[in-house]
Amino acid sequence: MKRVISLLVLFVFSFSLLTINFKATEVTTSAMGTVLYCVDNNSVLYGKNENVKMKMASTTKLMTALLTIEYAEKHNNPIVTFKKSMIEEGSSMYLKVNEKVTLKDLCVGMLLPSGNDAATASAIKIAGSKEKFAELMNKRAKQIGMNNTNFVTPSGLDDDNHFSTPYDMALLMKECSKNKELMKICGSKFMTVSFVSPKDKIVTYQNHNRLLSLYENCIGGKTGYTESAGRCLVTIAKKNGITLIAVTLGDKNDWKDHINLYDYGFSKIKTKVFKEETLVQQLVGGTKDKTNIKLKEKVFILNNKSDKIERKIFLSPFAYCPIKEGDKAGVINYYRNGKLLEKNIIKYQEDIEYKEAEKSFWDFIKELFNG
């Protein structure tokens, strides 16, 4: 197993990120279409025909599994009775007519052994037919931003109108990564399904995604293959808080290419962290003599080690009351290599009312003589 050389980065739990586009040329693949996508800053680190429509075979099942797991979570994981109408050609989890499993079990069956029977059974259970389920798939695709994708089958079997792009499939994997249950399934090398009926049937399935064993930072994904689509692979990897997605469509050397893509990607990534801090501004004429403004930790994830990020804070040393929470207090400018990159408004985080100043001795004397 090839070891990965990566830049040490800081993992943060709450931060805002900047999109910076940078397409590299230092890595190549044998795929018809490729994308290496950074989840943390929504950027393409490497692309080859990443927006060209292609067949994606069983990587389609990522969308089927996403809709299935979400439906199961909302409807108490319904039981599915396998019917003749659910039988499908190709790869299978080997369901038999009248056997019963749950929807989540079908997710295991479609993601690990890439069961077309599991995908079709789920589609019919949820929508009544494969055609109606395809409508749900396409609706969700538009919500995700998969603008160059059209689904026809829940399994990914070939159809002239069934296509996607490497970039769109990266967006789908990103959406899937938000669901912990789905990621647990597609990130497992083996999973066991205990059938509802027959009760004594227990089957352990092996994941077709060999990258889970070949690359230690791989946390999930989906394989695919048809004769016309070729070998297709969508994977996701995480190292030191940075998450990358690799997609190859029509690739004879997909395992090697994905490892090389991740090696390249993690070596290019650079982070710049501006830690949480508190600014203090003096107040004039208020119920308090100062206000604190907390700046949240901000992280820039950059795709070039030579980039230099600087910050300038513009905040007046004092302000006149009253002030209102949410009002503009100042500005923070971020610069990359000396050029303005981002401008953020600093806002007050509390209300402070105006307070009339108490009269001094000299104010009393002035009033006395002015009668």
Protein backbone atom coordinates (compact mmCIF):
# COMPACT_ATOMS: atom_id res chain seq x y z
CA MET A 1 0.00 0.00 0.00
CA LYS A 2 1.37 3.28 -1.08
CA ARG A 3 1.84 5.79 1.70
CA VAL A 4 0.49 9.30 1.38
CA ILE A 5 2.58 12.41 1.85
CA SER A 6 0.39 15.21 3.11
CA LEU A 7 0.57 18.70 4.53
CA LEU A 8 -0.31 18.85 8.22
CA VAL A 9 -3.54 20.76 8.58
CA LEU A 10 -5.72 21.85 11.47
CA PHE A 11 -9.18 20.44 11.89
CA VAL A 12 -11.78 22.95 12.97
CA PHE A 13 -15.41 22.52 13.97
CA SER A 14 -16.85 25.92 13.10
CA PHE A 15 -15.54 28.04 10.33
CA SER A 16 -16.38 29.79 7.10
CA LEU A 17 -14.56 28.80 3.93
CA LEU A 18 -13.63 30.43 0.67
CA THR A 19 -13.96 28.91 -2.78
CA ILE A 20 -10.73 29.18 -4.75
CA ASN A 21 -10.54 27.53 -8.16
CA PHE A 22 -7.24 26.07 -9.27
CA LYS A 23 -6.93 23.38 -11.93
CA ALA A 24 -3.69 21.45 -11.86
CA THR A 25 -1.74 19.75 -14.61
CA GLU A 26 0.81 17.81 -12.53
CA VAL A 27 -1.23 14.59 -12.40
CA THR A 28 -2.82 12.47 -15.11
CA THR A 29 -5.24 9.53 -15.29
CA SER A 30 -6.23 7.01 -17.93
CA ALA A 31 -9.92 7.79 -17.42
CA MET A 32 -12.23 9.27 -20.02
CA GLY A 33 -13.35 11.74 -17.37
CA THR A 34 -11.85 12.69 -14.02
CA VAL A 35 -12.28 15.15 -11.22
CA LEU A 36 -10.50 15.66 -7.91
CA TYR A 37 -12.75 17.81 -5.75
CA CYS A 38 -12.06 19.48 -2.40
CA VAL A 39 -15.16 19.33 -0.22
CA ASP A 40 -13.87 21.93 2.23
CA ASN A 41 -13.55 24.81 -0.22
CA ASN A 42 -15.69 23.53 -3.10
CA SER A 43 -12.84 23.64 -5.59
CA VAL A 44 -11.58 21.46 -8.41
CA LEU A 45 -7.97 20.44 -7.81
CA TYR A 46 -7.76 18.49 -11.04
CA GLY A 47 -10.12 17.91 -13.91
CA LYS A 48 -10.21 16.08 -17.22
CA ASN A 49 -13.48 16.26 -19.15
CA GLU A 50 -15.09 16.85 -15.77
CA ASN A 51 -18.17 18.49 -17.29
CA VAL A 52 -18.64 16.08 -20.20
CA LYS A 53 -21.72 13.85 -20.04
CA MET A 54 -20.85 10.16 -19.71
CA LYS A 55 -22.32 6.88 -18.53
CA MET A 56 -21.61 6.23 -14.85
CA ALA A 57 -22.83 2.63 -14.41
CA SER A 58 -23.45 1.50 -10.81
CA THR A 59 -22.05 4.65 -9.23
CA THR A 60 -25.68 5.65 -9.89
CA LYS A 61 -26.53 3.68 -6.77
CA LEU A 62 -25.14 6.49 -4.61
CA MET A 63 -28.26 8.48 -5.48
CA THR A 64 -30.51 5.45 -5.03
CA ALA A 65 -28.96 4.75 -1.64
CA LEU A 66 -29.23 8.38 -0.57
CA LEU A 67 -32.96 8.49 -1.32
CA THR A 68 -33.44 5.06 0.24
CA ILE A 69 -31.69 5.83 3.52
CA GLU A 70 -33.50 9.16 3.85
CA TYR A 71 -36.86 7.50 3.21
CA ALA A 72 -36.03 4.76 5.72
CA GLU A 73 -35.12 7.33 8.37
CA LYS A 74 -38.42 9.17 7.88
CA HIS A 75 -40.63 6.07 7.74
CA ASN A 76 -39.21 3.83 10.48
CA ASN A 77 -37.19 1.64 8.11
CA PRO A 78 -40.02 -0.22 6.32
CA ILE A 79 -39.86 -3.92 5.51
CA VAL A 80 -39.72 -4.82 1.81
CA THR A 81 -41.12 -8.07 0.40
CA PHE A 82 -39.15 -9.01 -2.71
CA LYS A 83 -41.40 -9.55 -5.74
CA LYS A 84 -40.93 -10.85 -9.28
CA SER A 85 -41.22 -7.29 -10.61
CA MET A 86 -38.10 -6.39 -8.63
CA ILE A 87 -35.86 -8.97 -10.31
CA GLU A 88 -33.07 -7.28 -12.26
CA GLU A 89 -30.21 -8.54 -14.40
CA GLY A 90 -26.57 -8.05 -13.51
CA SER A 91 -24.87 -7.82 -10.11
CA SER A 92 -27.01 -8.90 -7.20
CA MET A 93 -27.43 -9.32 -3.46
CA TYR A 94 -29.30 -12.52 -4.42
CA LEU A 95 -32.76 -11.79 -3.11
CA LYS A 96 -35.42 -14.42 -3.72
CA VAL A 97 -39.13 -13.87 -4.29
CA ASN A 98 -41.07 -13.42 -1.02
CA GLU A 99 -37.95 -12.86 1.06
CA LYS A 100 -38.19 -9.87 3.38
CA VAL A 101 -35.55 -7.30 4.32
CA THR A 102 -35.60 -3.69 5.49
CA LEU A 103 -34.88 -0.67 3.32
CA LYS A 104 -31.58 -0.13 5.13
CA ASP A 105 -30.68 -3.75 4.34
CA LEU A 106 -31.27 -2.90 0.68
CA CYS A 107 -28.78 -0.05 1.04
CA VAL A 108 -26.18 -2.59 2.13
CA GLY A 109 -27.11 -4.77 -0.84
CA MET A 110 -26.85 -2.00 -3.40
CA LEU A 111 -23.67 -0.38 -2.04
CA LEU A 112 -21.44 -3.35 -1.14
CA PRO A 113 -22.17 -6.15 -3.68
CA SER A 114 -23.74 -3.53 -6.01
CA GLY A 115 -27.02 -5.40 -6.16
CA ASN A 116 -29.26 -4.30 -9.02
CA ASP A 117 -32.04 -6.28 -7.37
CA ALA A 118 -31.63 -4.21 -4.19
CA ALA A 119 -31.74 -0.92 -6.10
CA THR A 120 -34.81 -1.93 -8.08
CA ALA A 121 -36.60 -3.26 -5.01
CA SER A 122 -36.01 0.00 -3.19
CA ALA A 123 -37.22 2.08 -6.13
CA ILE A 124 -40.47 0.14 -6.45
CA LYS A 125 -41.07 0.15 -2.67
CA ILE A 126 -40.57 3.92 -2.40
CA ALA A 127 -42.10 5.22 -5.64
CA GLY A 128 -44.17 2.35 -7.06
CA SER A 129 -42.06 1.98 -10.20
CA LYS A 130 -38.56 2.55 -11.53
CA GLU A 131 -39.87 5.37 -13.71
CA LYS A 132 -41.43 7.23 -10.79
CA PHE A 133 -38.30 6.71 -8.73
CA ALA A 134 -36.20 8.20 -11.54
CA GLU A 135 -38.29 11.35 -11.20
CA LEU A 136 -37.30 11.54 -7.53
CA MET A 137 -33.67 10.97 -8.46
CA ASN A 138 -33.69 13.80 -10.99
CA LYS A 139 -35.48 16.14 -8.62
CA ARG A 140 -32.84 15.56 -5.98
CA ALA A 141 -30.07 15.90 -8.54
CA LYS A 142 -31.25 19.42 -9.38
CA GLN A 143 -31.35 20.31 -5.68
CA ILE A 144 -27.75 19.19 -5.30
CA GLY A 145 -26.64 21.15 -8.37
CA MET A 146 -26.10 18.19 -10.69
CA ASN A 147 -27.08 20.20 -13.75
CA ASN A 148 -25.62 17.84 -16.35
CA THR A 149 -27.15 14.63 -15.03
CA ASN A 150 -30.20 12.58 -15.96
CA PHE A 151 -31.23 9.38 -14.21
CA VAL A 152 -33.36 6.70 -15.86
CA THR A 153 -32.59 3.56 -13.85
CA PRO A 154 -32.01 3.12 -10.10
CA SER A 155 -29.26 0.56 -10.74
CA GLY A 156 -27.18 2.32 -13.38
CA LEU A 157 -27.82 -0.19 -16.15
CA ASP A 158 -27.15 1.39 -19.53
CA ASP A 159 -29.67 3.69 -21.16
CA ASP A 160 -28.94 6.38 -23.74
CA ASN A 161 -30.67 8.95 -21.54
CA HIS A 162 -28.90 7.88 -18.35
CA PHE A 163 -25.78 9.98 -17.85
CA SER A 164 -23.81 12.27 -15.58
CA THR A 165 -20.42 14.01 -15.42
CA PRO A 166 -17.41 13.49 -13.15
CA TYR A 167 -18.09 16.86 -11.53
CA ASP A 168 -21.76 16.09 -10.90
CA MET A 169 -20.87 12.73 -9.36
CA ALA A 170 -18.48 14.52 -7.00
CA LEU A 171 -21.36 16.72 -5.89
CA LEU A 172 -23.45 13.60 -5.29
CA MET A 173 -20.71 12.00 -3.19
CA LYS A 174 -20.43 15.23 -1.22
CA GLU A 175 -24.18 15.12 -0.50
CA CYS A 176 -23.95 11.47 0.52
CA SER A 177 -21.12 12.28 2.93
CA LYS A 178 -23.56 14.34 5.02
CA ASN A 179 -25.51 11.21 5.95
CA LYS A 180 -23.72 9.25 8.69
CA GLU A 181 -25.69 6.03 8.16
CA LEU A 182 -24.98 5.98 4.45
CA MET A 183 -21.29 6.67 5.03
CA LYS A 184 -21.11 3.87 7.58
CA ILE A 185 -22.43 1.46 4.96
CA CYS A 186 -20.36 2.55 1.97
CA GLY A 187 -17.26 2.82 4.15
CA SER A 188 -17.51 -0.77 5.45
CA LYS A 189 -15.45 -3.57 3.93
CA PHE A 190 -18.00 -6.15 5.11
CA MET A 191 -21.57 -5.92 6.43
CA THR A 192 -23.99 -8.58 7.58
CA VAL A 193 -27.72 -8.58 6.79
CA SER A 194 -30.14 -10.56 8.95
CA PHE A 195 -33.23 -11.18 6.83
CA VAL A 196 -36.66 -10.47 8.30
CA SER A 197 -37.86 -13.57 6.45
CA PRO A 198 -36.64 -16.24 6.44
CA LYS A 199 -35.48 -15.45 9.96
CA ASP A 200 -32.58 -17.85 9.86
CA LYS A 201 -31.03 -16.31 6.74
CA ILE A 202 -27.94 -14.24 7.50
CA VAL A 203 -25.65 -13.06 4.72
CA THR A 204 -22.34 -11.20 4.95
CA TYR A 205 -21.56 -9.02 1.94
CA GLN A 206 -18.15 -7.79 0.82
CA ASN A 207 -17.63 -4.29 -0.54
CA HIS A 208 -16.49 -4.15 -4.17
CA ASN A 209 -14.62 -0.93 -3.37
CA ARG A 210 -11.04 -2.19 -3.00
CA LEU A 211 -9.76 1.32 -2.30
CA LEU A 212 -10.98 0.87 1.29
CA SER A 213 -8.12 -1.60 1.67
CA LEU A 214 -5.62 -0.09 -0.76
CA TYR A 215 -5.73 3.46 0.61
CA GLU A 216 -5.89 4.01 4.35
CA ASN A 217 -7.61 7.40 4.15
CA CYS A 218 -10.50 6.23 1.95
CA ILE A 219 -13.76 6.46 3.91
CA GLY A 220 -16.30 5.40 1.29
CA GLY A 221 -17.43 5.38 -2.30
CA LYS A 222 -19.02 3.27 -5.01
CA THR A 223 -17.78 1.17 -7.89
CA GLY A 224 -19.45 0.70 -11.26
CA TYR A 225 -19.02 -1.17 -14.50
CA THR A 226 -20.83 -1.88 -17.73
CA GLU A 227 -19.26 -2.75 -21.05
CA SER A 228 -20.19 0.61 -22.57
CA ALA A 229 -19.42 2.74 -19.49
CA GLY A 230 -16.20 0.97 -18.59
CA ARG A 231 -14.86 0.94 -15.04
CA CYS A 232 -16.32 3.77 -12.96
CA LEU A 233 -15.29 4.74 -9.45
CA VAL A 234 -16.36 7.44 -7.01
CA THR A 235 -14.45 7.62 -3.72
CA ILE A 236 -14.03 9.97 -0.79
CA ALA A 237 -10.96 10.31 1.43
CA LYS A 238 -10.21 12.27 4.58
CA LYS A 239 -6.87 13.16 6.12
CA ASN A 240 -6.15 15.62 8.93
CA GLY A 241 -9.56 17.25 8.57
CA ILE A 242 -9.37 17.74 4.81
CA THR A 243 -11.89 15.85 2.65
CA LEU A 244 -11.31 15.12 -1.03
CA ILE A 245 -13.46 13.29 -3.58
CA ALA A 246 -12.08 11.50 -6.63
CA VAL A 247 -14.21 10.47 -9.60
CA THR A 248 -13.05 8.48 -12.62
CA LEU A 249 -15.40 7.36 -15.40
CA GLY A 250 -14.20 4.93 -18.05
CA ASP A 251 -10.90 4.12 -16.35
CA LYS A 252 -8.95 0.86 -16.74
CA ASN A 253 -6.55 1.83 -13.94
CA ASP A 254 -9.01 3.28 -11.45
CA TRP A 255 -7.44 2.02 -8.20
CA LYS A 256 -4.01 3.35 -9.09
CA ASP A 257 -5.42 6.59 -10.47
CA HIS A 258 -7.41 7.31 -7.32
CA ILE A 259 -4.38 6.77 -5.10
CA ASN A 260 -2.30 9.07 -7.32
CA LEU A 261 -5.04 11.70 -7.29
CA TYR A 262 -5.22 11.67 -3.50
CA ASP A 263 -1.43 11.73 -3.18
CA TYR A 264 -1.39 14.79 -5.38
CA GLY A 265 -4.36 16.49 -3.74
CA PHE A 266 -3.24 16.17 -0.14
CA SER A 267 0.27 17.34 -1.07
CA LYS A 268 -1.12 20.51 -2.68
CA ILE A 269 -3.51 21.56 0.07
CA LYS A 270 -2.48 24.41 2.37
CA THR A 271 -4.44 25.91 5.24
CA LYS A 272 -4.28 29.32 6.84
CA VAL A 273 -6.01 29.66 10.20
CA PHE A 274 -6.98 32.94 11.83
CA LYS A 275 -7.79 31.92 15.38
CA GLU A 276 -10.77 33.13 17.37
CA GLU A 277 -10.09 36.45 19.09
CA THR A 278 -11.92 39.28 20.83
CA LEU A 279 -11.79 42.91 19.71
CA VAL A 280 -12.47 45.66 22.27
CA GLN A 281 -13.99 49.00 21.32
CA GLN A 282 -14.40 51.93 23.73
CA LEU A 283 -17.84 53.54 23.95
CA VAL A 284 -18.92 57.13 24.47
CA GLY A 285 -22.24 58.04 26.07
CA GLY A 286 -23.40 54.51 26.81
CA THR A 287 -24.50 52.36 29.71
CA LYS A 288 -21.17 50.55 29.29
CA ASP A 289 -17.77 52.02 28.61
CA LYS A 290 -16.70 49.30 26.15
CA THR A 291 -18.02 46.44 24.02
CA ASN A 292 -16.42 43.14 23.09
CA ILE A 293 -16.67 41.77 19.55
CA LYS A 294 -15.71 38.13 19.11
CA LEU A 295 -14.27 37.08 15.77
CA LYS A 296 -14.91 33.43 14.93
CA GLU A 297 -12.08 31.25 13.80
CA LYS A 298 -11.69 31.49 10.05
CA VAL A 299 -9.90 28.97 7.88
CA PHE A 300 -8.80 29.31 4.29
CA ILE A 301 -8.08 26.04 2.51
CA LEU A 302 -5.85 26.85 -0.43
CA ASN A 303 -4.73 24.78 -3.37
CA ASN A 304 -1.24 26.20 -3.69
CA LYS A 305 1.47 26.16 -1.02
CA SER A 306 2.99 29.40 -2.30
CA ASP A 307 -0.18 31.40 -1.56
CA LYS A 308 0.13 33.94 1.24
CA ILE A 309 -2.97 35.06 3.12
CA GLU A 310 -3.00 38.25 5.20
CA ARG A 311 -5.71 40.05 7.15
CA LYS A 312 -6.34 43.70 7.97
CA ILE A 313 -8.90 44.81 10.56
CA PHE A 314 -10.52 48.24 10.25
CA LEU A 315 -12.25 49.14 13.53
CA SER A 316 -12.52 52.61 15.07
CA PRO A 317 -11.02 52.81 18.61
CA PHE A 318 -14.32 54.21 19.94
CA ALA A 319 -18.00 54.51 19.03
CA TYR A 320 -20.91 56.70 20.13
CA CYS A 321 -23.93 55.07 21.74
CA PRO A 322 -26.56 53.85 21.24
CA ILE A 323 -25.42 50.80 19.27
CA LYS A 324 -27.55 47.88 18.11
CA GLU A 325 -26.70 44.21 17.74
CA GLY A 326 -26.07 43.48 14.07
CA ASP A 327 -25.06 47.04 13.19
CA LYS A 328 -21.83 47.52 11.29
CA ALA A 329 -18.83 48.09 13.56
CA GLY A 330 -15.99 47.72 11.08
CA VAL A 331 -14.50 45.67 8.26
CA ILE A 332 -12.02 42.81 7.88
CA ASN A 333 -10.18 42.49 4.58
CA TYR A 334 -8.37 39.31 3.56
CA TYR A 335 -5.62 39.46 0.95
CA ARG A 336 -4.06 36.67 -1.10
CA ASN A 337 -0.60 37.53 -2.37
CA GLY A 338 -1.36 41.21 -1.80
CA LYS A 339 -4.68 41.24 -3.68
CA LEU A 340 -8.05 41.68 -1.98
CA LEU A 341 -9.60 38.25 -1.63
CA GLU A 342 -12.56 38.69 0.68
CA LYS A 343 -14.24 41.50 2.59
CA ASN A 344 -16.25 40.77 5.76
CA ILE A 345 -18.35 43.13 7.85
CA ILE A 346 -17.68 43.26 11.60
CA LYS A 347 -20.98 43.54 13.47
CA TYR A 348 -21.87 44.53 17.01
CA GLN A 349 -22.97 41.60 19.14
CA GLU A 350 -25.03 43.41 21.78
CA ASP A 351 -27.37 46.37 22.31
CA ILE A 352 -26.01 49.25 24.39
CA GLU A 353 -28.30 52.17 25.14
CA TYR A 354 -27.42 55.85 25.31
CA LYS A 355 -26.87 57.22 28.81
CA GLU A 356 -26.94 60.94 29.49
CA ALA A 357 -23.78 62.03 31.27
CA GLU A 358 -24.09 63.22 34.88
CA LYS A 359 -23.60 66.98 35.44
CA SER A 360 -20.20 68.03 36.64
CA PHE A 361 -19.45 70.85 39.18
CA TRP A 362 -18.59 73.20 36.32
CA ASP A 363 -21.91 72.42 34.58
CA PHE A 364 -23.65 73.48 37.82
CA ILE A 365 -21.66 76.76 37.99
CA LYS A 366 -22.48 77.53 34.34
CA GLU A 367 -26.20 77.02 34.92
CA LEU A 368 -26.04 79.21 38.07
CA PHE A 369 -24.49 82.19 36.25
CA ASN A 370 -26.63 81.77 33.15
CA GLY A 371 -29.65 82.03 35.36
